[in-house]
Amino acid sequence: MKNDTLIVCPQCHAKFSHIDESHWKCGKCGYSAQVINKIPVFSDYPANLQPSEKIERCAEQGSIWRRFNWKFLEQTAAYLNPEAEVLDIGAGRGDFKTIFARSRYTGLDIYPYPELDLAVDLIKVCPFNEESFDLVVMANVIEHVYDYRTLVGRAAKLLKPGGKLLLTVPFLLKLHQEPVDFHRYTRYALEQLAHENGLTVEVLDGYYNPLAILDEGIGNAWEFGLPKTKGFVRLLTKTGIFISQKISNGLKRVLGNGYLAPAFSDKNPNVLGYHCLFVKESVKR
């Protein structure tokens, strides 16, 4: 997207009239946003925030959960028309920009990564008009946002009537990106989150992989259990872990790397995460 297409002054919602290498300035109310890494920055970010490194990602890289996420995004993008406006919240280093290359993509994060279009904390500041986007994406984001309900509410307001909110969220997943790892959500919480924002559930699929839980346990035993043992017990523990991993690897050849299924019909309670697609009503009641 061109950076001035949808971004507006967060105070008066006028278009920015002056844009240069150091600031975006609103000619109507005088509001000014600093430019860092060639993108406008509309809110402060934590001074101790450690920016993520640029890692080349694709459908066949990363964890199995990440690969399933990627394919879900690709499937959603395939149905968008070229004029569809896509907002990627918490976009990091712009990993998904290529997925939405056919449409009009806007990427943001609270940190001014150079791959993005703007930096802003949408809970504090919103430099967009309501009903501006056809699709809003938050992939593995809301578990890292303490006030996630406010953020999802903001995202829902930014959707055009008939627009969609895409979420991927982990459930049975270890702590990560600490200390900003705050939440896990059941399918019931996700459904309620949609309804309280005037959205209907189009997709709510769980990702199920019993062997992933087994592998996590084996890895945990090796890293945190084994160092607490000594002598014969240590040898016995090592042998047990080795055999367990061999068994897990053999089962993978039979059972594969898990599957997606509608969360309200699958009976497996051990879900690793959810893929969600919520739709905003076309006509307000």
C-alpha atoms as a PDB file:
ATOM      1  CA  MET A   1       0.000   0.000   0.000  1.00  0.00           C
ATOM      2  CA  LYS A   2       1.010   3.636  -0.324  1.00  0.00           C
ATOM      3  CA  ASN A   3       1.611   4.849   3.196  1.00  0.00           C
ATOM      4  CA  ASP A   4      -0.910   7.691   2.937  1.00  0.00           C
ATOM      5  CA  THR A   5      -3.796   5.640   1.530  1.00  0.00           C
ATOM      6  CA  LEU A   6      -5.636   4.729   4.742  1.00  0.00           C
ATOM      7  CA  ILE A   7      -3.588   6.300   7.531  1.00  0.00           C
ATOM      8  CA  VAL A   8      -5.269   9.397   8.996  1.00  0.00           C
ATOM      9  CA  CYS A   9      -4.584  11.803  11.818  1.00  0.00           C
ATOM     10  CA  PRO A  10      -5.622  10.019  15.035  1.00  0.00           C
ATOM     11  CA  GLN A  11      -6.888  13.298  16.521  1.00  0.00           C
ATOM     12  CA  CYS A  12      -9.061  14.800  13.779  1.00  0.00           C
ATOM     13  CA  HIS A  13      -9.094  11.984  11.153  1.00  0.00           C
ATOM     14  CA  ALA A  14      -7.913  14.309   8.384  1.00  0.00           C
ATOM     15  CA  LYS A  15      -5.399  13.118   5.811  1.00  0.00           C
ATOM     16  CA  PHE A  16      -1.797  14.058   6.573  1.00  0.00           C
ATOM     17  CA  SER A  17      -0.873  17.053   4.448  1.00  0.00           C
ATOM     18  CA  HIS A  18       2.868  17.110   5.096  1.00  0.00           C
ATOM     19  CA  ILE A  19       5.068  14.011   4.921  1.00  0.00           C
ATOM     20  CA  ASP A  20       8.863  14.123   4.955  1.00  0.00           C
ATOM     21  CA  GLU A  21      11.788  12.041   6.177  1.00  0.00           C
ATOM     22  CA  SER A  22      11.383  13.094   9.812  1.00  0.00           C
ATOM     23  CA  HIS A  23       7.651  13.682  10.452  1.00  0.00           C
ATOM     24  CA  TRP A  24       4.089  13.239   9.271  1.00  0.00           C
ATOM     25  CA  LYS A  25       2.144  16.390  10.114  1.00  0.00           C
ATOM     26  CA  CYS A  26      -1.587  17.068   9.992  1.00  0.00           C
ATOM     27  CA  GLY A  27      -2.341  20.434   8.392  1.00  0.00           C
ATOM     28  CA  LYS A  28      -5.759  20.594  10.048  1.00  0.00           C
ATOM     29  CA  CYS A  29      -4.983  20.139  13.769  1.00  0.00           C
ATOM     30  CA  GLY A  30      -1.175  20.185  13.836  1.00  0.00           C
ATOM     31  CA  TYR A  31      -0.726  16.627  15.102  1.00  0.00           C
ATOM     32  CA  SER A  32       2.745  15.265  14.291  1.00  0.00           C
ATOM     33  CA  ALA A  33       4.123  11.726  14.159  1.00  0.00           C
ATOM     34  CA  GLN A  34       7.842  10.993  14.145  1.00  0.00           C
ATOM     35  CA  VAL A  35       9.353   8.903  11.336  1.00  0.00           C
ATOM     36  CA  ILE A  36      11.667   6.057  12.377  1.00  0.00           C
ATOM     37  CA  ASN A  37      13.046   3.516   9.912  1.00  0.00           C
ATOM     38  CA  LYS A  38      11.121   5.412   7.220  1.00  0.00           C
ATOM     39  CA  ILE A  39       7.702   4.690   8.772  1.00  0.00           C
ATOM     40  CA  PRO A  40       5.452   6.898  10.942  1.00  0.00           C
ATOM     41  CA  VAL A  41       5.369   6.095  14.654  1.00  0.00           C
ATOM     42  CA  PHE A  42       2.149   7.019  16.466  1.00  0.00           C
ATOM     43  CA  SER A  43       2.807   5.721  19.973  1.00  0.00           C
ATOM     44  CA  ASP A  44       5.689   5.007  22.324  1.00  0.00           C
ATOM     45  CA  TYR A  45       7.047   1.486  22.596  1.00  0.00           C
ATOM     46  CA  PRO A  46       8.702  -0.056  25.671  1.00  0.00           C
ATOM     47  CA  ALA A  47      12.322   0.999  25.992  1.00  0.00           C
ATOM     48  CA  ASN A  48      13.339  -2.556  26.975  1.00  0.00           C
ATOM     49  CA  LEU A  49      11.548  -4.171  24.041  1.00  0.00           C
ATOM     50  CA  GLN A  50      13.874  -6.491  22.184  1.00  0.00           C
ATOM     51  CA  PRO A  51      13.087  -6.315  18.442  1.00  0.00           C
ATOM     52  CA  SER A  52      12.773  -9.670  16.727  1.00  0.00           C
ATOM     53  CA  GLU A  53      15.327 -10.722  14.168  1.00  0.00           C
ATOM     54  CA  LYS A  54      14.422 -11.063  10.510  1.00  0.00           C
ATOM     55  CA  ILE A  55      13.904 -14.754   9.722  1.00  0.00           C
ATOM     56  CA  GLU A  56      12.872 -15.991   6.305  1.00  0.00           C
ATOM     57  CA  ARG A  57       9.630 -17.926   6.774  1.00  0.00           C
ATOM     58  CA  CYS A  58       7.391 -19.957   4.510  1.00  0.00           C
ATOM     59  CA  ALA A  59       4.782 -22.725   4.579  1.00  0.00           C
ATOM     60  CA  GLU A  60       7.422 -25.418   5.097  1.00  0.00           C
ATOM     61  CA  GLN A  61       9.497 -23.754   7.822  1.00  0.00           C
ATOM     62  CA  GLY A  62       9.107 -23.391  11.567  1.00  0.00           C
ATOM     63  CA  SER A  63       7.114 -25.517  13.985  1.00  0.00           C
ATOM     64  CA  ILE A  64       4.205 -27.675  12.817  1.00  0.00           C
ATOM     65  CA  TRP A  65       1.825 -25.174  14.450  1.00  0.00           C
ATOM     66  CA  ARG A  66       3.403 -22.316  12.483  1.00  0.00           C
ATOM     67  CA  ARG A  67       3.135 -24.288   9.244  1.00  0.00           C
ATOM     68  CA  PHE A  68      -0.565 -24.917   9.811  1.00  0.00           C
ATOM     69  CA  ASN A  69      -0.980 -21.176  10.534  1.00  0.00           C
ATOM     70  CA  TRP A  70       0.740 -20.272   7.275  1.00  0.00           C
ATOM     71  CA  LYS A  71      -1.520 -22.518   5.225  1.00  0.00           C
ATOM     72  CA  PHE A  72      -4.615 -21.073   6.950  1.00  0.00           C
ATOM     73  CA  LEU A  73      -3.484 -17.577   5.992  1.00  0.00           C
ATOM     74  CA  GLU A  74      -2.814 -18.680   2.418  1.00  0.00           C
ATOM     75  CA  GLN A  75      -6.264 -20.247   2.123  1.00  0.00           C
ATOM     76  CA  THR A  76      -7.887 -17.058   3.407  1.00  0.00           C
ATOM     77  CA  ALA A  77      -5.811 -14.832   1.104  1.00  0.00           C
ATOM     78  CA  ALA A  78      -6.785 -16.902  -1.933  1.00  0.00           C
ATOM     79  CA  TYR A  79     -10.399 -15.696  -1.657  1.00  0.00           C
ATOM     80  CA  LEU A  80      -9.544 -11.985  -1.438  1.00  0.00           C
ATOM     81  CA  ASN A  81      -9.947  -9.719  -4.435  1.00  0.00           C
ATOM     82  CA  PRO A  82      -7.069  -7.447  -5.507  1.00  0.00           C
ATOM     83  CA  GLU A  83      -8.768  -4.358  -4.043  1.00  0.00           C
ATOM     84  CA  ALA A  84      -9.267  -5.912  -0.601  1.00  0.00           C
ATOM     85  CA  GLU A  85      -7.692  -3.905   2.213  1.00  0.00           C
ATOM     86  CA  VAL A  86      -5.774  -6.139   4.661  1.00  0.00           C
ATOM     87  CA  LEU A  87      -4.503  -4.995   8.063  1.00  0.00           C
ATOM     88  CA  ASP A  88      -1.888  -7.205   9.739  1.00  0.00           C
ATOM     89  CA  ILE A  89      -1.718  -6.290  13.443  1.00  0.00           C
ATOM     90  CA  GLY A  90       1.413  -7.402  15.282  1.00  0.00           C
ATOM     91  CA  ALA A  91       3.082  -8.070  11.946  1.00  0.00           C
ATOM     92  CA  GLY A  92       6.633  -8.126  13.312  1.00  0.00           C
ATOM     93  CA  ARG A  93       9.089  -8.314  10.426  1.00  0.00           C
ATOM     94  CA  GLY A  94       6.311  -8.541   7.837  1.00  0.00           C
ATOM     95  CA  ASP A  95       6.394 -12.329   7.470  1.00  0.00           C
ATOM     96  CA  PHE A  96       2.923 -12.491   5.921  1.00  0.00           C
ATOM     97  CA  LYS A  97       3.307  -9.641   3.452  1.00  0.00           C
ATOM     98  CA  THR A  98       4.017 -12.058   0.601  1.00  0.00           C
ATOM     99  CA  ILE A  99       0.876 -14.057   1.384  1.00  0.00           C
ATOM    100  CA  PHE A 100      -1.305 -10.997   0.814  1.00  0.00           C
ATOM    101  CA  ALA A 101       0.692  -9.617  -2.119  1.00  0.00           C
ATOM    102  CA  ARG A 102      -2.384  -9.842  -4.395  1.00  0.00           C
ATOM    103  CA  SER A 103      -4.332  -7.469  -2.129  1.00  0.00           C
ATOM    104  CA  ARG A 104      -3.649  -4.100  -0.490  1.00  0.00           C
ATOM    105  CA  TYR A 105      -1.583  -4.927   2.580  1.00  0.00           C
ATOM    106  CA  THR A 106      -0.900  -2.750   5.624  1.00  0.00           C
ATOM    107  CA  GLY A 107       1.435  -4.085   8.303  1.00  0.00           C
ATOM    108  CA  LEU A 108       1.841  -2.620  11.763  1.00  0.00           C
ATOM    109  CA  ASP A 109       3.443  -3.401  15.086  1.00  0.00           C
ATOM    110  CA  ILE A 110       4.240  -1.418  18.221  1.00  0.00           C
ATOM    111  CA  TYR A 111       7.916  -1.469  17.172  1.00  0.00           C
ATOM    112  CA  PRO A 112       8.974   0.408  13.995  1.00  0.00           C
ATOM    113  CA  TYR A 113      10.313  -2.481  11.961  1.00  0.00           C
ATOM    114  CA  PRO A 114      11.445  -1.200   8.544  1.00  0.00           C
ATOM    115  CA  GLU A 115       9.413  -3.873   6.729  1.00  0.00           C
ATOM    116  CA  LEU A 116       6.124  -2.391   7.970  1.00  0.00           C
ATOM    117  CA  ASP A 117       3.906   0.568   7.071  1.00  0.00           C
ATOM    118  CA  LEU A 118       3.530   2.130  10.515  1.00  0.00           C
ATOM    119  CA  ALA A 119       4.174   1.590  14.210  1.00  0.00           C
ATOM    120  CA  VAL A 120       1.344   2.080  16.698  1.00  0.00           C
ATOM    121  CA  ASP A 121      -0.240   0.609  19.803  1.00  0.00           C
ATOM    122  CA  LEU A 122      -3.851   0.446  18.617  1.00  0.00           C
ATOM    123  CA  ILE A 123      -5.125   0.231  22.178  1.00  0.00           C
ATOM    124  CA  LYS A 124      -3.799   3.760  22.786  1.00  0.00           C
ATOM    125  CA  VAL A 125      -3.972   5.396  19.337  1.00  0.00           C
ATOM    126  CA  CYS A 126      -5.872   4.620  16.143  1.00  0.00           C
ATOM    127  CA  PRO A 127      -4.698   6.307  12.914  1.00  0.00           C
ATOM    128  CA  PHE A 128      -7.456   4.720  10.806  1.00  0.00           C
ATOM    129  CA  ASN A 129     -11.099   5.435  10.177  1.00  0.00           C
ATOM    130  CA  GLU A 130     -13.609   2.817  11.238  1.00  0.00           C
ATOM    131  CA  GLU A 131     -14.774   0.315   8.602  1.00  0.00           C
ATOM    132  CA  SER A 132     -11.590   0.661   6.528  1.00  0.00           C
ATOM    133  CA  PHE A 133     -10.514  -2.964   6.104  1.00  0.00           C
ATOM    134  CA  ASP A 134     -11.849  -6.128   4.494  1.00  0.00           C
ATOM    135  CA  LEU A 135      -9.614  -8.402   6.558  1.00  0.00           C
ATOM    136  CA  VAL A 136      -7.811  -7.859   9.854  1.00  0.00           C
ATOM    137  CA  VAL A 137      -5.162 -10.429  10.774  1.00  0.00           C
ATOM    138  CA  MET A 138      -3.785 -11.156  14.241  1.00  0.00           C
ATOM    139  CA  ALA A 139      -1.674 -14.287  13.981  1.00  0.00           C
ATOM    140  CA  ASN A 140      -0.346 -15.445  17.368  1.00  0.00           C
ATOM    141  CA  VAL A 141      -0.755 -11.936  18.733  1.00  0.00           C
ATOM    142  CA  ILE A 142      -3.516 -11.596  21.316  1.00  0.00           C
ATOM    143  CA  GLU A 143      -1.915 -13.968  23.835  1.00  0.00           C
ATOM    144  CA  HIS A 144       0.847 -11.340  24.072  1.00  0.00           C
ATOM    145  CA  VAL A 145      -1.552  -8.433  24.689  1.00  0.00           C
ATOM    146  CA  TYR A 146      -2.656  -8.009  28.306  1.00  0.00           C
ATOM    147  CA  ASP A 147      -5.720  -5.926  27.358  1.00  0.00           C
ATOM    148  CA  TYR A 148      -6.608  -8.162  24.422  1.00  0.00           C
ATOM    149  CA  ARG A 149     -10.357  -7.484  24.585  1.00  0.00           C
ATOM    150  CA  THR A 150      -9.814  -3.795  23.869  1.00  0.00           C
ATOM    151  CA  LEU A 151      -7.565  -4.646  20.928  1.00  0.00           C
ATOM    152  CA  VAL A 152     -10.045  -7.107  19.434  1.00  0.00           C
ATOM    153  CA  GLY A 153     -12.828  -4.551  19.894  1.00  0.00           C
ATOM    154  CA  ARG A 154     -10.758  -1.983  18.011  1.00  0.00           C
ATOM    155  CA  ALA A 155     -10.061  -4.485  15.230  1.00  0.00           C
ATOM    156  CA  ALA A 156     -13.775  -5.266  14.895  1.00  0.00           C
ATOM    157  CA  LYS A 157     -14.583  -1.569  14.446  1.00  0.00           C
ATOM    158  CA  LEU A 158     -11.963  -1.281  11.707  1.00  0.00           C
ATOM    159  CA  LEU A 159     -13.696  -3.991   9.670  1.00  0.00           C
ATOM    160  CA  LYS A 160     -16.012  -3.068   6.842  1.00  0.00           C
ATOM    161  CA  PRO A 161     -19.482  -4.642   6.986  1.00  0.00           C
ATOM    162  CA  GLY A 162     -18.943  -8.197   5.785  1.00  0.00           C
ATOM    163  CA  GLY A 163     -15.231  -7.970   6.644  1.00  0.00           C
ATOM    164  CA  LYS A 164     -13.413 -10.726   8.498  1.00  0.00           C
ATOM    165  CA  LEU A 165     -11.164 -10.985  11.535  1.00  0.00           C
ATOM    166  CA  LEU A 166      -8.562 -13.766  11.366  1.00  0.00           C
ATOM    167  CA  LEU A 167      -7.013 -15.022  14.592  1.00  0.00           C
ATOM    168  CA  THR A 168      -4.566 -17.810  15.298  1.00  0.00           C
ATOM    169  CA  VAL A 169      -3.986 -18.478  18.989  1.00  0.00           C
ATOM    170  CA  PRO A 170      -2.083 -21.193  20.870  1.00  0.00           C
ATOM    171  CA  PHE A 171      -3.593 -23.178  23.719  1.00  0.00           C
ATOM    172  CA  LEU A 172      -1.411 -26.074  24.917  1.00  0.00           C
ATOM    173  CA  LEU A 173       1.837 -24.294  24.188  1.00  0.00           C
ATOM    174  CA  LYS A 174       4.712 -23.526  26.541  1.00  0.00           C
ATOM    175  CA  LEU A 175       5.566 -20.009  27.674  1.00  0.00           C
ATOM    176  CA  HIS A 176       7.280 -18.018  24.938  1.00  0.00           C
ATOM    177  CA  GLN A 177       8.401 -14.449  24.229  1.00  0.00           C
ATOM    178  CA  GLU A 178       8.553 -13.900  27.979  1.00  0.00           C
ATOM    179  CA  PRO A 179       7.677 -11.768  29.839  1.00  0.00           C
ATOM    180  CA  VAL A 180       4.932 -10.735  27.392  1.00  0.00           C
ATOM    181  CA  ASP A 181       3.018 -14.015  27.334  1.00  0.00           C
ATOM    182  CA  PHE A 182      -0.250 -13.409  29.164  1.00  0.00           C
ATOM    183  CA  HIS A 183      -3.135 -15.594  27.989  1.00  0.00           C
ATOM    184  CA  ARG A 184      -4.461 -18.906  26.672  1.00  0.00           C
ATOM    185  CA  TYR A 185      -8.016 -19.170  25.301  1.00  0.00           C
ATOM    186  CA  THR A 186     -10.529 -21.990  25.195  1.00  0.00           C
ATOM    187  CA  ARG A 187     -12.880 -22.334  22.233  1.00  0.00           C
ATOM    188  CA  TYR A 188     -15.680 -21.019  24.446  1.00  0.00           C
ATOM    189  CA  ALA A 189     -13.747 -17.837  25.224  1.00  0.00           C
ATOM    190  CA  LEU A 190     -13.025 -17.287  21.526  1.00  0.00           C
ATOM    191  CA  GLU A 191     -16.660 -17.712  20.562  1.00  0.00           C
ATOM    192  CA  GLN A 192     -17.688 -15.263  23.290  1.00  0.00           C
ATOM    193  CA  LEU A 193     -15.009 -12.817  22.133  1.00  0.00           C
ATOM    194  CA  ALA A 194     -16.529 -12.854  18.644  1.00  0.00           C
ATOM    195  CA  HIS A 195     -20.099 -12.405  19.839  1.00  0.00           C
ATOM    196  CA  GLU A 196     -19.349  -9.519  22.201  1.00  0.00           C
ATOM    197  CA  ASN A 197     -17.896  -7.610  19.243  1.00  0.00           C
ATOM    198  CA  GLY A 198     -20.817  -8.206  16.886  1.00  0.00           C
ATOM    199  CA  LEU A 199     -18.993 -10.898  14.900  1.00  0.00           C
ATOM    200  CA  THR A 200     -20.244 -14.299  13.812  1.00  0.00           C
ATOM    201  CA  VAL A 201     -18.085 -17.415  13.773  1.00  0.00           C
ATOM    202  CA  GLU A 202     -17.292 -18.696  10.285  1.00  0.00           C
ATOM    203  CA  VAL A 203     -14.296 -20.867  11.227  1.00  0.00           C
ATOM    204  CA  LEU A 204     -13.231 -22.103  14.658  1.00  0.00           C
ATOM    205  CA  ASP A 205     -10.898 -25.024  14.048  1.00  0.00           C
ATOM    206  CA  GLY A 206      -8.660 -26.716  16.572  1.00  0.00           C
ATOM    207  CA  TYR A 207      -5.230 -28.087  15.808  1.00  0.00           C
ATOM    208  CA  TYR A 208      -4.832 -31.515  17.390  1.00  0.00           C
ATOM    209  CA  ASN A 209      -1.561 -33.417  17.669  1.00  0.00           C
ATOM    210  CA  PRO A 210      -1.232 -35.839  20.619  1.00  0.00           C
ATOM    211  CA  LEU A 211       2.374 -36.599  19.721  1.00  0.00           C
ATOM    212  CA  ALA A 212       3.335 -32.939  20.022  1.00  0.00           C
ATOM    213  CA  ILE A 213       2.366 -33.094  23.675  1.00  0.00           C
ATOM    214  CA  LEU A 214       4.395 -36.293  24.071  1.00  0.00           C
ATOM    215  CA  ASP A 215       7.437 -34.693  22.425  1.00  0.00           C
ATOM    216  CA  GLU A 216       7.088 -31.639  24.651  1.00  0.00           C
ATOM    217  CA  GLY A 217       7.110 -33.900  27.703  1.00  0.00           C
ATOM    218  CA  ILE A 218      10.143 -35.808  26.485  1.00  0.00           C
ATOM    219  CA  GLY A 219      12.032 -32.574  25.822  1.00  0.00           C
ATOM    220  CA  ASN A 220      11.031 -31.212  29.207  1.00  0.00           C
ATOM    221  CA  ALA A 221      12.248 -34.394  30.921  1.00  0.00           C
ATOM    222  CA  TRP A 222      15.620 -34.118  29.163  1.00  0.00           C
ATOM    223  CA  GLU A 223      16.129 -30.419  29.922  1.00  0.00           C
ATOM    224  CA  PHE A 224      14.679 -30.151  33.433  1.00  0.00           C
ATOM    225  CA  GLY A 225      14.308 -33.669  34.815  1.00  0.00           C
ATOM    226  CA  LEU A 226      17.558 -35.347  33.846  1.00  0.00           C
ATOM    227  CA  PRO A 227      19.870 -32.734  35.487  1.00  0.00           C
ATOM    228  CA  LYS A 228      18.268 -33.525  38.859  1.00  0.00           C
ATOM    229  CA  THR A 229      19.312 -37.198  38.733  1.00  0.00           C
ATOM    230  CA  LYS A 230      22.596 -38.933  39.530  1.00  0.00           C
ATOM    231  CA  GLY A 231      24.266 -42.280  39.140  1.00  0.00           C
ATOM    232  CA  PHE A 232      22.124 -45.272  38.209  1.00  0.00           C
ATOM    233  CA  VAL A 233      18.928 -43.197  38.279  1.00  0.00           C
ATOM    234  CA  ARG A 234      20.462 -40.823  35.721  1.00  0.00           C
ATOM    235  CA  LEU A 235      21.373 -43.716  33.434  1.00  0.00           C
ATOM    236  CA  LEU A 236      17.903 -45.193  33.791  1.00  0.00           C
ATOM    237  CA  THR A 237      16.309 -41.781  33.051  1.00  0.00           C
ATOM    238  CA  LYS A 238      18.457 -41.269  29.951  1.00  0.00           C
ATOM    239  CA  THR A 239      17.537 -44.718  28.676  1.00  0.00           C
ATOM    240  CA  GLY A 240      13.832 -44.089  29.267  1.00  0.00           C
ATOM    241  CA  ILE A 241      13.943 -40.738  27.462  1.00  0.00           C
ATOM    242  CA  PHE A 242      15.820 -42.295  24.517  1.00  0.00           C
ATOM    243  CA  ILE A 243      13.310 -45.126  24.185  1.00  0.00           C
ATOM    244  CA  SER A 244      10.365 -42.728  24.531  1.00  0.00           C
ATOM    245  CA  GLN A 245      11.691 -40.570  21.695  1.00  0.00           C
ATOM    246  CA  LYS A 246      12.157 -43.614  19.463  1.00  0.00           C
ATOM    247  CA  ILE A 247       8.569 -44.664  20.155  1.00  0.00           C
ATOM    248  CA  SER A 248       7.293 -41.147  19.439  1.00  0.00           C
ATOM    249  CA  ASN A 249       9.179 -41.011  16.143  1.00  0.00           C
ATOM    250  CA  GLY A 250       7.702 -44.360  15.138  1.00  0.00           C
ATOM    251  CA  LEU A 251       4.170 -43.222  15.982  1.00  0.00           C
ATOM    252  CA  LYS A 252       4.645 -40.096  13.865  1.00  0.00           C
ATOM    253  CA  ARG A 253       5.145 -42.262  10.811  1.00  0.00           C
ATOM    254  CA  VAL A 254       1.738 -43.792  11.506  1.00  0.00           C
ATOM    255  CA  LEU A 255      -0.264 -40.842  12.849  1.00  0.00           C
ATOM    256  CA  GLY A 256       1.418 -37.929  11.062  1.00  0.00           C
ATOM    257  CA  ASN A 257       1.809 -34.402  12.405  1.00  0.00           C
ATOM    258  CA  GLY A 258      -1.714 -33.781  13.605  1.00  0.00           C
ATOM    259  CA  TYR A 259      -4.835 -32.411  12.003  1.00  0.00           C
ATOM    260  CA  LEU A 260      -7.321 -29.535  11.966  1.00  0.00           C
ATOM    261  CA  ALA A 261     -10.965 -30.078  12.824  1.00  0.00           C
ATOM    262  CA  PRO A 262     -13.973 -27.953  13.857  1.00  0.00           C
ATOM    263  CA  ALA A 263     -13.435 -27.310  17.556  1.00  0.00           C
ATOM    264  CA  PHE A 264     -17.058 -27.858  18.578  1.00  0.00           C
ATOM    265  CA  SER A 265     -17.326 -31.302  16.995  1.00  0.00           C
ATOM    266  CA  ASP A 266     -13.944 -32.920  17.693  1.00  0.00           C
ATOM    267  CA  LYS A 267     -13.903 -34.837  20.981  1.00  0.00           C
ATOM    268  CA  ASN A 268     -10.152 -34.544  21.598  1.00  0.00           C
ATOM    269  CA  PRO A 269      -9.690 -32.201  24.606  1.00  0.00           C
ATOM    270  CA  ASN A 270      -5.951 -31.749  23.985  1.00  0.00           C
ATOM    271  CA  VAL A 271      -5.972 -28.924  21.452  1.00  0.00           C
ATOM    272  CA  LEU A 272      -2.715 -27.160  20.705  1.00  0.00           C
ATOM    273  CA  GLY A 273      -4.247 -24.034  19.199  1.00  0.00           C
ATOM    274  CA  TYR A 274      -7.105 -22.509  17.223  1.00  0.00           C
ATOM    275  CA  HIS A 275      -7.684 -21.002  13.793  1.00  0.00           C
ATOM    276  CA  CYS A 276     -10.518 -18.475  13.813  1.00  0.00           C
ATOM    277  CA  LEU A 277     -12.332 -16.497  11.152  1.00  0.00           C
ATOM    278  CA  PHE A 278     -14.998 -14.116  12.454  1.00  0.00           C
ATOM    279  CA  VAL A 279     -17.298 -12.126  10.197  1.00  0.00           C
ATOM    280  CA  LYS A 280     -18.794  -8.679  10.761  1.00  0.00           C
ATOM    281  CA  GLU A 281     -22.473  -8.427   9.884  1.00  0.00           C
ATOM    282  CA  SER A 282     -23.131  -6.773   6.528  1.00  0.00           C
ATOM    283  CA  VAL A 283     -26.188  -4.907   7.803  1.00  0.00           C
ATOM    284  CA  LYS A 284     -26.449  -3.438  11.277  1.00  0.00           C
ATOM    285  CA  ARG A 285     -29.535  -4.471  13.192  1.00  0.00           C
END
